[in-house]
């Protein structure tokens, strides 16, 4: 039986794959469950559970209210820095729209909220690699 974290991660991936402009392999070469050890195709998107907090203030009826954090990272590589950057920016905006299309993640959580972004650009040989991380918080009750 999959854990709640596995189910939520898979649901995030499924929602993105179903969203116009994020289909695999037409627009995203590969989705990953967690951070891949290396990228074999671009652009790629991975979903990583980034930790949790128990919020006792909102806990009710002997159930804890948990806030989980999810990083959805979009990576693209190109010989042209502008191409890599524009592609990542386009995809990361679609990621938010895909998650917000069903903020309950098929009733796995009470809500999903976009809470921040980070971007990084590196150079490898003759290529620019752009990473954009979009962080979401989900809220759910656990027994």
Foldseek 3Di string as FASTA:
>chain_A
DDDLVVLLQVLLVVLQCPFPQRNPPVRAPEEEAADDPDDDDPFYKYKDWDDKDWDPVPDPDPWTKMKTKMKIKTKGKDLDPVVRVVSRVVSVVSSVVSCVVDQCSVVSFPGKAWDDKDKDWDDDDSMIMIMIITMIITIHIDD
